[in-house]
Amino acid sequence: MLRCRYFFIPQHGRNVVMESKDVMNRIHLISKWQIISNRDEIFREMEKPTFDPRQTVMLETSPGIESVQGEAMGECRIEKSSTDYLIIKGILEQPAILLVTDSYSKGWRVKPLSGSSQQKYQVRPANYMLMAIPLSAGEHHFRLEYKPKAFIVGKWISLTALIVYIIFIFIAVRRSERLKQIISKRE
């Protein structure tokens, strides 16, 4: 479920590398979901042999879209990616959940880009630890980025401190020049 392809397993005093062939992609469109708010219940449901993370996603709150059962959902693809963001584009024939198999954190934000029929997106926890983005039918183009509030506050504090530092340097240089002028006049 977490895109883990290789496993290191200790056997007879050395590590053996095992490769999993059944690895999920980074994004999946899923049309079926269950709403379960209790962590233990989510894990119990995912433990069942019938649970398939490619077919069903566990959400803690309602996604705000209607579930439509059917095969023709549409497609989504990653246009560009980095450690801090993904730019995703897609066309959906019916509402679906975009499951992103990266770890969920409250710091993830979604910004619609030009060409998107949906003007507001939300990142929600899925399967307790992954990300889900509810998508309506239509065209989608958005940027999913990791930008926690602490980063933004820290950036502004750092910029303010830098400006104050530059001002103090400027004042110190001006005072030094004045002192040099006063000393040179006395000589």
N, C-alpha and C. Protein backbone atom coordinates (compact mmCIF):
# COMPACT_ATOMS: atom_id res chain seq x y z
N MET A 1 0.81 -1.19 0.00
CA MET A 1 0.00 0.00 0.00
C MET A 1 0.87 1.26 0.00
N LEU A 2 2.09 1.17 0.42
CA LEU A 2 2.95 2.35 0.53
C LEU A 2 4.04 2.39 -0.52
N ARG A 3 3.81 1.79 -1.66
CA ARG A 3 4.77 1.78 -2.77
C ARG A 3 6.11 1.16 -2.39
N CYS A 4 6.12 0.29 -1.44
CA CYS A 4 7.37 -0.33 -1.01
C CYS A 4 7.67 -1.51 -1.94
N ARG A 5 8.70 -1.36 -2.74
CA ARG A 5 9.04 -2.39 -3.72
C ARG A 5 10.06 -3.39 -3.19
N TYR A 6 11.05 -2.92 -2.41
CA TYR A 6 12.13 -3.79 -1.95
C TYR A 6 12.11 -3.94 -0.43
N PHE A 7 12.36 -5.15 0.02
CA PHE A 7 12.41 -5.47 1.44
C PHE A 7 13.75 -6.12 1.75
N PHE A 8 14.34 -5.76 2.86
CA PHE A 8 15.57 -6.39 3.33
C PHE A 8 15.19 -7.32 4.47
N ILE A 9 15.36 -8.61 4.25
CA ILE A 9 14.94 -9.61 5.23
C ILE A 9 16.17 -10.36 5.73
N PRO A 10 16.40 -10.32 7.06
CA PRO A 10 17.56 -11.06 7.57
C PRO A 10 17.30 -12.58 7.51
N GLN A 11 18.25 -13.30 6.91
CA GLN A 11 18.17 -14.76 6.84
C GLN A 11 19.57 -15.34 7.00
N HIS A 12 19.72 -16.20 7.97
CA HIS A 12 20.99 -16.90 8.21
C HIS A 12 22.17 -15.94 8.35
N GLY A 13 21.98 -14.86 9.11
CA GLY A 13 23.06 -13.94 9.40
C GLY A 13 23.38 -12.92 8.31
N ARG A 14 22.61 -12.88 7.26
CA ARG A 14 22.82 -11.87 6.23
C ARG A 14 21.46 -11.37 5.73
N ASN A 15 21.46 -10.24 5.05
CA ASN A 15 20.21 -9.66 4.54
C ASN A 15 19.95 -10.11 3.11
N VAL A 16 18.73 -10.52 2.88
CA VAL A 16 18.30 -10.93 1.55
C VAL A 16 17.34 -9.86 1.03
N VAL A 17 17.52 -9.44 -0.20
CA VAL A 17 16.65 -8.43 -0.80
C VAL A 17 15.51 -9.13 -1.52
N MET A 18 14.29 -8.78 -1.14
CA MET A 18 13.10 -9.33 -1.77
C MET A 18 12.39 -8.21 -2.52
N GLU A 19 11.91 -8.50 -3.72
CA GLU A 19 11.20 -7.50 -4.50
C GLU A 19 9.72 -7.86 -4.57
N SER A 20 8.87 -6.87 -4.29
CA SER A 20 7.43 -7.06 -4.40
C SER A 20 6.99 -6.66 -5.80
N LYS A 21 6.22 -7.49 -6.43
CA LYS A 21 5.73 -7.20 -7.78
C LYS A 21 4.40 -6.43 -7.74
N ASP A 22 3.72 -6.45 -6.60
CA ASP A 22 2.40 -5.85 -6.46
C ASP A 22 2.51 -4.50 -5.76
N VAL A 23 3.11 -3.52 -6.42
CA VAL A 23 3.34 -2.20 -5.83
C VAL A 23 2.35 -1.20 -6.41
N MET A 24 1.78 -0.37 -5.54
CA MET A 24 0.83 0.64 -6.00
C MET A 24 1.57 1.81 -6.65
N ASN A 25 0.90 2.49 -7.56
CA ASN A 25 1.43 3.71 -8.15
C ASN A 25 1.28 4.85 -7.15
N ARG A 26 1.83 6.00 -7.49
CA ARG A 26 1.78 7.15 -6.58
C ARG A 26 0.37 7.72 -6.49
N ILE A 27 -0.41 7.68 -7.58
CA ILE A 27 -1.79 8.16 -7.54
C ILE A 27 -2.73 7.11 -8.14
N HIS A 28 -3.94 7.06 -7.59
CA HIS A 28 -4.99 6.13 -8.05
C HIS A 28 -6.33 6.83 -7.97
N LEU A 29 -7.17 6.62 -8.96
CA LEU A 29 -8.56 7.07 -8.89
C LEU A 29 -9.40 5.94 -8.34
N ILE A 30 -10.19 6.25 -7.32
CA ILE A 30 -11.00 5.23 -6.65
C ILE A 30 -12.43 5.74 -6.53
N SER A 31 -13.40 4.91 -6.94
CA SER A 31 -14.80 5.34 -6.92
C SER A 31 -15.56 4.83 -5.71
N LYS A 32 -14.94 4.00 -4.91
CA LYS A 32 -15.64 3.42 -3.74
C LYS A 32 -14.90 3.81 -2.47
N TRP A 33 -15.64 4.29 -1.48
CA TRP A 33 -15.03 4.65 -0.21
C TRP A 33 -15.96 4.35 0.95
N GLN A 34 -15.36 4.21 2.10
CA GLN A 34 -16.10 4.02 3.35
C GLN A 34 -15.69 5.12 4.30
N ILE A 35 -16.64 5.57 5.11
CA ILE A 35 -16.34 6.61 6.09
C ILE A 35 -16.29 5.94 7.46
N ILE A 36 -15.10 5.93 8.05
CA ILE A 36 -14.87 5.35 9.37
C ILE A 36 -13.98 6.32 10.13
N SER A 37 -14.48 6.84 11.24
CA SER A 37 -13.72 7.88 11.96
C SER A 37 -12.79 7.32 13.03
N ASN A 38 -12.96 6.07 13.41
CA ASN A 38 -12.14 5.48 14.48
C ASN A 38 -10.92 4.77 13.88
N ARG A 39 -9.74 5.13 14.39
CA ARG A 39 -8.49 4.56 13.88
C ARG A 39 -8.48 3.04 13.94
N ASP A 40 -8.87 2.46 15.06
CA ASP A 40 -8.84 1.00 15.20
C ASP A 40 -9.80 0.32 14.22
N GLU A 41 -10.96 0.94 13.99
CA GLU A 41 -11.90 0.38 13.02
C GLU A 41 -11.34 0.44 11.60
N ILE A 42 -10.63 1.53 11.28
CA ILE A 42 -10.00 1.64 9.96
C ILE A 42 -9.01 0.49 9.77
N PHE A 43 -8.17 0.24 10.78
CA PHE A 43 -7.19 -0.83 10.68
C PHE A 43 -7.86 -2.20 10.60
N ARG A 44 -8.95 -2.41 11.36
CA ARG A 44 -9.67 -3.68 11.29
C ARG A 44 -10.24 -3.91 9.89
N GLU A 45 -10.77 -2.85 9.30
CA GLU A 45 -11.34 -2.97 7.95
C GLU A 45 -10.25 -3.27 6.93
N MET A 46 -9.10 -2.62 7.05
CA MET A 46 -8.01 -2.83 6.11
C MET A 46 -7.35 -4.19 6.29
N GLU A 47 -7.50 -4.79 7.47
CA GLU A 47 -6.95 -6.12 7.76
C GLU A 47 -7.70 -7.24 7.05
N LYS A 48 -8.95 -6.98 6.71
CA LYS A 48 -9.79 -8.01 6.10
C LYS A 48 -9.20 -8.47 4.77
N PRO A 49 -9.28 -9.76 4.47
CA PRO A 49 -8.74 -10.26 3.20
C PRO A 49 -9.47 -9.68 1.98
N THR A 50 -10.69 -9.18 2.17
CA THR A 50 -11.45 -8.63 1.05
C THR A 50 -11.08 -7.18 0.74
N PHE A 51 -10.30 -6.53 1.62
CA PHE A 51 -9.93 -5.13 1.40
C PHE A 51 -8.89 -5.02 0.29
N ASP A 52 -9.18 -4.21 -0.71
CA ASP A 52 -8.25 -3.95 -1.81
C ASP A 52 -8.03 -2.44 -1.88
N PRO A 53 -6.82 -1.96 -1.54
CA PRO A 53 -6.59 -0.51 -1.53
C PRO A 53 -6.68 0.14 -2.91
N ARG A 54 -6.73 -0.66 -3.98
CA ARG A 54 -6.90 -0.11 -5.32
C ARG A 54 -8.37 0.09 -5.66
N GLN A 55 -9.25 -0.49 -4.85
CA GLN A 55 -10.69 -0.44 -5.12
C GLN A 55 -11.48 0.39 -4.11
N THR A 56 -10.99 0.43 -2.86
CA THR A 56 -11.72 1.10 -1.78
C THR A 56 -10.77 1.93 -0.95
N VAL A 57 -11.24 3.09 -0.52
CA VAL A 57 -10.44 3.94 0.35
C VAL A 57 -11.24 4.22 1.62
N MET A 58 -10.54 4.24 2.74
CA MET A 58 -11.14 4.54 4.04
C MET A 58 -10.94 6.02 4.35
N LEU A 59 -12.05 6.74 4.52
CA LEU A 59 -12.00 8.16 4.84
C LEU A 59 -12.55 8.40 6.24
N GLU A 60 -12.07 9.45 6.90
CA GLU A 60 -12.52 9.77 8.25
C GLU A 60 -13.74 10.69 8.24
N THR A 61 -13.94 11.43 7.15
CA THR A 61 -15.10 12.32 7.01
C THR A 61 -15.65 12.20 5.59
N SER A 62 -16.85 12.70 5.39
CA SER A 62 -17.47 12.63 4.08
C SER A 62 -16.67 13.46 3.08
N PRO A 63 -16.47 12.93 1.87
CA PRO A 63 -15.69 13.66 0.88
C PRO A 63 -16.46 14.80 0.21
N GLY A 64 -17.76 14.86 0.40
CA GLY A 64 -18.55 15.92 -0.20
C GLY A 64 -18.88 15.71 -1.66
N ILE A 65 -18.67 14.51 -2.17
CA ILE A 65 -19.04 14.15 -3.54
C ILE A 65 -19.87 12.88 -3.47
N GLU A 66 -20.68 12.66 -4.48
CA GLU A 66 -21.52 11.47 -4.54
C GLU A 66 -20.74 10.29 -5.12
N SER A 67 -20.92 9.15 -4.50
CA SER A 67 -20.29 7.93 -4.99
C SER A 67 -21.12 7.40 -6.16
N VAL A 68 -20.46 7.20 -7.30
CA VAL A 68 -21.11 6.64 -8.48
C VAL A 68 -20.35 5.38 -8.84
N GLN A 69 -21.03 4.25 -8.73
CA GLN A 69 -20.37 2.98 -9.05
C GLN A 69 -20.35 2.78 -10.55
N GLY A 70 -19.19 2.48 -11.07
CA GLY A 70 -19.06 2.24 -12.50
C GLY A 70 -17.60 2.10 -12.86
N GLU A 71 -17.37 1.65 -14.05
CA GLU A 71 -16.01 1.40 -14.49
C GLU A 71 -15.34 2.64 -15.11
N ALA A 72 -16.10 3.44 -15.84
CA ALA A 72 -15.50 4.55 -16.58
C ALA A 72 -15.37 5.78 -15.69
N MET A 73 -14.28 5.86 -14.91
CA MET A 73 -14.05 7.01 -14.02
C MET A 73 -13.33 8.13 -14.75
N GLY A 74 -12.34 7.80 -15.51
CA GLY A 74 -11.49 8.79 -16.14
C GLY A 74 -10.04 8.47 -15.84
N GLU A 75 -9.19 9.51 -15.95
CA GLU A 75 -7.77 9.29 -15.67
C GLU A 75 -7.13 10.54 -15.09
N CYS A 76 -6.08 10.33 -14.32
CA CYS A 76 -5.25 11.40 -13.76
C CYS A 76 -3.80 11.01 -13.96
N ARG A 77 -2.97 12.03 -14.16
CA ARG A 77 -1.54 11.76 -14.31
C ARG A 77 -0.75 12.88 -13.65
N ILE A 78 0.45 12.55 -13.25
CA ILE A 78 1.35 13.53 -12.65
C ILE A 78 2.12 14.20 -13.78
N GLU A 79 1.96 15.53 -13.90
CA GLU A 79 2.70 16.28 -14.92
C GLU A 79 4.12 16.58 -14.47
N LYS A 80 4.26 16.92 -13.19
CA LYS A 80 5.56 17.31 -12.65
C LYS A 80 5.57 16.97 -11.17
N SER A 81 6.74 16.59 -10.65
CA SER A 81 6.80 16.27 -9.23
C SER A 81 8.14 16.67 -8.63
N SER A 82 8.10 16.84 -7.33
CA SER A 82 9.27 17.19 -6.53
C SER A 82 9.04 16.57 -5.16
N THR A 83 9.96 16.80 -4.24
CA THR A 83 9.74 16.30 -2.88
C THR A 83 8.65 17.08 -2.16
N ASP A 84 8.40 18.32 -2.60
CA ASP A 84 7.44 19.19 -1.93
C ASP A 84 6.14 19.42 -2.70
N TYR A 85 6.04 18.95 -3.93
CA TYR A 85 4.81 19.20 -4.67
C TYR A 85 4.60 18.19 -5.79
N LEU A 86 3.36 18.11 -6.22
CA LEU A 86 2.95 17.35 -7.41
C LEU A 86 2.03 18.25 -8.22
N ILE A 87 2.19 18.27 -9.52
CA ILE A 87 1.22 18.93 -10.38
C ILE A 87 0.48 17.82 -11.10
N ILE A 88 -0.83 17.80 -10.92
CA ILE A 88 -1.66 16.69 -11.40
C ILE A 88 -2.71 17.22 -12.36
N LYS A 89 -2.92 16.48 -13.43
CA LYS A 89 -3.92 16.83 -14.43
C LYS A 89 -4.77 15.60 -14.70
N GLY A 90 -6.07 15.82 -14.89
CA GLY A 90 -6.93 14.68 -15.17
C GLY A 90 -8.28 15.08 -15.72
N ILE A 91 -8.95 14.09 -16.25
CA ILE A 91 -10.32 14.25 -16.73
C ILE A 91 -11.13 13.10 -16.14
N LEU A 92 -12.23 13.44 -15.47
CA LEU A 92 -13.07 12.43 -14.84
C LEU A 92 -14.47 12.47 -15.43
N GLU A 93 -14.99 11.30 -15.70
CA GLU A 93 -16.36 11.18 -16.21
C GLU A 93 -17.36 11.15 -15.07
N GLN A 94 -16.89 10.81 -13.89
CA GLN A 94 -17.75 10.77 -12.70
C GLN A 94 -16.90 11.12 -11.49
N PRO A 95 -17.53 11.51 -10.38
CA PRO A 95 -16.76 11.84 -9.18
C PRO A 95 -15.94 10.64 -8.69
N ALA A 96 -14.79 10.94 -8.11
CA ALA A 96 -13.92 9.89 -7.58
C ALA A 96 -12.99 10.48 -6.54
N ILE A 97 -12.31 9.61 -5.82
CA ILE A 97 -11.29 10.01 -4.86
C ILE A 97 -9.94 9.77 -5.51
N LEU A 98 -9.09 10.79 -5.48
CA LEU A 98 -7.72 10.61 -5.93
C LEU A 98 -6.91 10.20 -4.70
N LEU A 99 -6.46 8.97 -4.69
CA LEU A 99 -5.63 8.47 -3.60
C LEU A 99 -4.17 8.74 -3.95
N VAL A 100 -3.50 9.48 -3.09
CA VAL A 100 -2.07 9.76 -3.26
C VAL A 100 -1.34 8.95 -2.20
N THR A 101 -0.46 8.08 -2.61
CA THR A 101 0.18 7.15 -1.68
C THR A 101 1.40 7.75 -1.00
N ASP A 102 1.37 9.05 -0.75
CA ASP A 102 2.35 9.73 0.09
C ASP A 102 1.74 9.90 1.48
N SER A 103 2.56 10.09 2.48
CA SER A 103 2.06 10.23 3.85
C SER A 103 1.26 11.51 4.02
N TYR A 104 0.12 11.37 4.70
CA TYR A 104 -0.75 12.52 4.97
C TYR A 104 -0.14 13.39 6.08
N SER A 105 -0.31 14.69 5.93
CA SER A 105 0.05 15.66 6.94
C SER A 105 -0.84 16.87 6.73
N LYS A 106 -1.14 17.59 7.79
CA LYS A 106 -1.99 18.78 7.67
C LYS A 106 -1.32 19.87 6.84
N GLY A 107 -0.01 19.76 6.61
CA GLY A 107 0.71 20.76 5.84
C GLY A 107 0.51 20.69 4.34
N TRP A 108 -0.15 19.65 3.83
CA TRP A 108 -0.39 19.54 2.39
C TRP A 108 -1.55 20.43 1.98
N ARG A 109 -1.38 21.18 0.88
CA ARG A 109 -2.39 22.10 0.36
C ARG A 109 -2.57 21.83 -1.13
N VAL A 110 -3.77 22.14 -1.62
CA VAL A 110 -4.05 21.98 -3.05
C VAL A 110 -4.48 23.33 -3.61
N LYS A 111 -3.84 23.74 -4.71
CA LYS A 111 -4.19 24.98 -5.40
C LYS A 111 -4.66 24.64 -6.81
N PRO A 112 -5.87 25.07 -7.17
CA PRO A 112 -6.31 24.83 -8.54
C PRO A 112 -5.48 25.66 -9.52
N LEU A 113 -5.21 25.10 -10.68
CA LEU A 113 -4.48 25.80 -11.74
C LEU A 113 -5.45 26.06 -12.89
N SER A 114 -5.01 26.82 -13.87
CA SER A 114 -5.89 27.14 -14.99
C SER A 114 -6.32 25.86 -15.71
N GLY A 115 -7.56 25.85 -16.13
CA GLY A 115 -8.09 24.69 -16.82
C GLY A 115 -8.78 23.70 -15.90
N SER A 116 -8.93 24.06 -14.64
CA SER A 116 -9.57 23.16 -13.68
C SER A 116 -11.04 23.53 -13.51
N SER A 117 -11.92 22.55 -13.63
CA SER A 117 -13.35 22.81 -13.47
C SER A 117 -13.74 22.93 -12.00
N GLN A 118 -12.94 22.41 -11.12
CA GLN A 118 -13.19 22.47 -9.67
C GLN A 118 -12.32 23.59 -9.10
N GLN A 119 -12.93 24.51 -8.37
CA GLN A 119 -12.18 25.68 -7.87
C GLN A 119 -11.70 25.51 -6.44
N LYS A 120 -12.14 24.47 -5.75
CA LYS A 120 -11.70 24.24 -4.37
C LYS A 120 -11.43 22.75 -4.17
N TYR A 121 -10.25 22.46 -3.63
CA TYR A 121 -9.85 21.08 -3.36
C TYR A 121 -9.48 20.96 -1.89
N GLN A 122 -9.64 19.76 -1.35
CA GLN A 122 -9.24 19.49 0.03
C GLN A 122 -8.43 18.21 0.10
N VAL A 123 -7.40 18.24 0.94
CA VAL A 123 -6.60 17.04 1.19
C VAL A 123 -7.12 16.44 2.48
N ARG A 124 -7.44 15.16 2.45
CA ARG A 124 -7.99 14.46 3.62
C ARG A 124 -7.15 13.21 3.90
N PRO A 125 -7.16 12.77 5.14
CA PRO A 125 -6.49 11.50 5.42
C PRO A 125 -7.25 10.34 4.78
N ALA A 126 -6.52 9.39 4.23
CA ALA A 126 -7.10 8.20 3.61
C ALA A 126 -6.36 6.99 4.13
N ASN A 127 -7.10 5.93 4.41
CA ASN A 127 -6.49 4.70 4.94
C ASN A 127 -5.58 5.03 6.12
N TYR A 128 -6.00 5.98 6.90
CA TYR A 128 -5.36 6.49 8.11
C TYR A 128 -4.07 7.26 7.87
N MET A 129 -3.28 6.93 6.84
CA MET A 129 -1.97 7.55 6.72
C MET A 129 -1.64 8.09 5.33
N LEU A 130 -2.51 7.92 4.37
CA LEU A 130 -2.26 8.39 3.02
C LEU A 130 -3.11 9.64 2.76
N MET A 131 -3.08 10.15 1.53
CA MET A 131 -3.85 11.35 1.19
C MET A 131 -4.96 11.03 0.20
N ALA A 132 -6.10 11.70 0.40
CA ALA A 132 -7.23 11.59 -0.51
C ALA A 132 -7.66 12.99 -0.92
N ILE A 133 -7.95 13.15 -2.21
CA ILE A 133 -8.46 14.42 -2.72
C ILE A 133 -9.76 14.10 -3.47
N PRO A 134 -10.91 14.53 -2.93
CA PRO A 134 -12.17 14.31 -3.64
C PRO A 134 -12.22 15.14 -4.93
N LEU A 135 -12.59 14.49 -6.03
CA LEU A 135 -12.66 15.15 -7.33
C LEU A 135 -14.06 14.99 -7.91
N SER A 136 -14.62 16.07 -8.41
CA SER A 136 -15.91 16.00 -9.08
C SER A 136 -15.68 15.59 -10.54
N ALA A 137 -16.76 15.33 -11.26
CA ALA A 137 -16.62 15.03 -12.68
C ALA A 137 -16.14 16.29 -13.40
N GLY A 138 -15.30 16.11 -14.40
CA GLY A 138 -14.81 17.26 -15.17
C GLY A 138 -13.30 17.24 -15.31
N GLU A 139 -12.75 18.39 -15.74
CA GLU A 139 -11.31 18.52 -15.92
C GLU A 139 -10.66 19.05 -14.65
N HIS A 140 -9.49 18.51 -14.37
CA HIS A 140 -8.77 18.92 -13.15
C HIS A 140 -7.31 19.22 -13.50
N HIS A 141 -6.82 20.29 -12.91
CA HIS A 141 -5.42 20.67 -13.04
C HIS A 141 -5.07 21.40 -11.75
N PHE A 142 -4.24 20.80 -10.93
CA PHE A 142 -3.94 21.40 -9.64
C PHE A 142 -2.53 21.07 -9.18
N ARG A 143 -2.11 21.85 -8.18
CA ARG A 143 -0.79 21.68 -7.57
C ARG A 143 -1.02 21.25 -6.12
N LEU A 144 -0.52 20.07 -5.78
CA LEU A 144 -0.55 19.56 -4.42
C LEU A 144 0.82 19.85 -3.84
N GLU A 145 0.88 20.69 -2.80
CA GLU A 145 2.19 21.07 -2.27
C GLU A 145 2.22 20.98 -0.75
N TYR A 146 3.41 20.68 -0.26
CA TYR A 146 3.63 20.62 1.18
C TYR A 146 4.09 21.99 1.64
N LYS A 147 3.22 22.68 2.37
CA LYS A 147 3.51 24.03 2.82
C LYS A 147 2.86 24.24 4.19
N PRO A 148 3.47 23.70 5.25
CA PRO A 148 2.88 23.84 6.58
C PRO A 148 2.93 25.30 7.05
N LYS A 149 2.00 25.65 7.92
CA LYS A 149 1.95 27.02 8.45
C LYS A 149 3.24 27.41 9.14
N ALA A 150 3.87 26.48 9.82
CA ALA A 150 5.13 26.78 10.53
C ALA A 150 6.21 27.23 9.54
N PHE A 151 6.21 26.66 8.34
CA PHE A 151 7.18 27.06 7.32
C PHE A 151 6.93 28.51 6.90
N ILE A 152 5.68 28.86 6.68
CA ILE A 152 5.33 30.22 6.26
C ILE A 152 5.68 31.23 7.35
N VAL A 153 5.33 30.92 8.60
CA VAL A 153 5.66 31.81 9.72
C VAL A 153 7.18 31.93 9.85
N GLY A 154 7.89 30.83 9.78
CA GLY A 154 9.35 30.84 9.87
C GLY A 154 10.00 31.65 8.76
N LYS A 155 9.43 31.55 7.55
CA LYS A 155 9.95 32.32 6.42
C LYS A 155 9.83 33.82 6.70
N TRP A 156 8.67 34.26 7.20
CA TRP A 156 8.47 35.69 7.47
C TRP A 156 9.32 36.17 8.64
N ILE A 157 9.49 35.34 9.64
CA ILE A 157 10.37 35.72 10.76
C ILE A 157 11.80 35.86 10.26
N SER A 158 12.25 34.93 9.44
CA SER A 158 13.61 34.99 8.89
C SER A 158 13.81 36.21 8.01
N LEU A 159 12.84 36.51 7.14
CA LEU A 159 12.95 37.69 6.29
C LEU A 159 12.98 38.97 7.10
N THR A 160 12.14 39.05 8.13
CA THR A 160 12.13 40.23 9.00
C THR A 160 13.47 40.39 9.71
N ALA A 161 14.00 39.30 10.23
CA ALA A 161 15.30 39.34 10.92
C ALA A 161 16.40 39.76 9.95
N LEU A 162 16.35 39.29 8.72
CA LEU A 162 17.34 39.67 7.71
C LEU A 162 17.27 41.17 7.41
N ILE A 163 16.08 41.69 7.26
CA ILE A 163 15.90 43.13 6.99
C ILE A 163 16.44 43.96 8.15
N VAL A 164 16.10 43.56 9.39
CA VAL A 164 16.60 44.28 10.57
C VAL A 164 18.12 44.22 10.61
N TYR A 165 18.71 43.09 10.31
CA TYR A 165 20.17 42.92 10.29
C TYR A 165 20.80 43.85 9.25
N ILE A 166 20.21 43.89 8.07
CA ILE A 166 20.73 44.78 7.01
C ILE A 166 20.63 46.24 7.44
N ILE A 167 19.54 46.62 8.08
CA ILE A 167 19.39 48.00 8.59
C ILE A 167 20.48 48.32 9.60
N PHE A 168 20.73 47.41 10.54
CA PHE A 168 21.78 47.64 11.54
C PHE A 168 23.16 47.74 10.89
N ILE A 169 23.43 46.94 9.88
CA ILE A 169 24.71 47.04 9.17
C ILE A 169 24.82 48.40 8.49
N PHE A 170 23.75 48.82 7.83
CA PHE A 170 23.74 50.11 7.16
C PHE A 170 24.01 51.24 8.17
N ILE A 171 23.34 51.20 9.32
CA ILE A 171 23.55 52.21 10.37
C ILE A 171 24.99 52.18 10.86
N ALA A 172 25.54 50.99 11.09
CA ALA A 172 26.92 50.87 11.58
C ALA A 172 27.92 51.42 10.55
N VAL A 173 27.71 51.15 9.28
CA VAL A 173 28.60 51.66 8.23
C VAL A 173 28.51 53.19 8.16
N ARG A 174 27.33 53.74 8.24
CA ARG A 174 27.16 55.20 8.22
C ARG A 174 27.84 55.86 9.41
N ARG A 175 27.69 55.26 10.59
CA ARG A 175 28.35 55.82 11.79
C ARG A 175 29.86 55.75 11.65
N SER A 176 30.35 54.66 11.09
CA SER A 176 31.79 54.50 10.89
C SER A 176 32.31 55.57 9.93
N GLU A 177 31.56 55.82 8.86
CA GLU A 177 31.97 56.86 7.91
C GLU A 177 31.96 58.23 8.56
N ARG A 178 30.97 58.54 9.39
CA ARG A 178 30.91 59.82 10.11
C ARG A 178 32.09 59.98 11.05
N LEU A 179 32.42 58.91 11.77
CA LEU A 179 33.55 58.97 12.68
C LEU A 179 34.85 59.24 11.92
N LYS A 180 35.01 58.59 10.78
CA LYS A 180 36.21 58.81 9.95
C LYS A 180 36.27 60.27 9.49
N GLN A 181 35.11 60.82 9.12
CA GLN A 181 35.08 62.22 8.69
C GLN A 181 35.43 63.17 9.83
N ILE A 182 34.92 62.92 11.02
CA ILE A 182 35.20 63.75 12.19
C ILE A 182 36.68 63.67 12.53
N ILE A 183 37.25 62.48 12.52
CA ILE A 183 38.67 62.31 12.83
C ILE A 183 39.54 62.99 11.78
N SER A 184 39.18 62.86 10.51
CA SER A 184 39.97 63.46 9.44
C SER A 184 39.90 64.99 9.49
N LYS A 185 38.79 65.58 9.96
CA LYS A 185 38.66 67.03 10.08
C LYS A 185 39.53 67.55 11.21
N ARG A 186 39.69 66.78 12.29
CA ARG A 186 40.48 67.20 13.44
C ARG A 186 41.98 67.15 13.12
N GLU A 187 42.35 66.34 12.21
CA GLU A 187 43.78 66.20 11.90
C GLU A 187 44.22 67.25 10.99
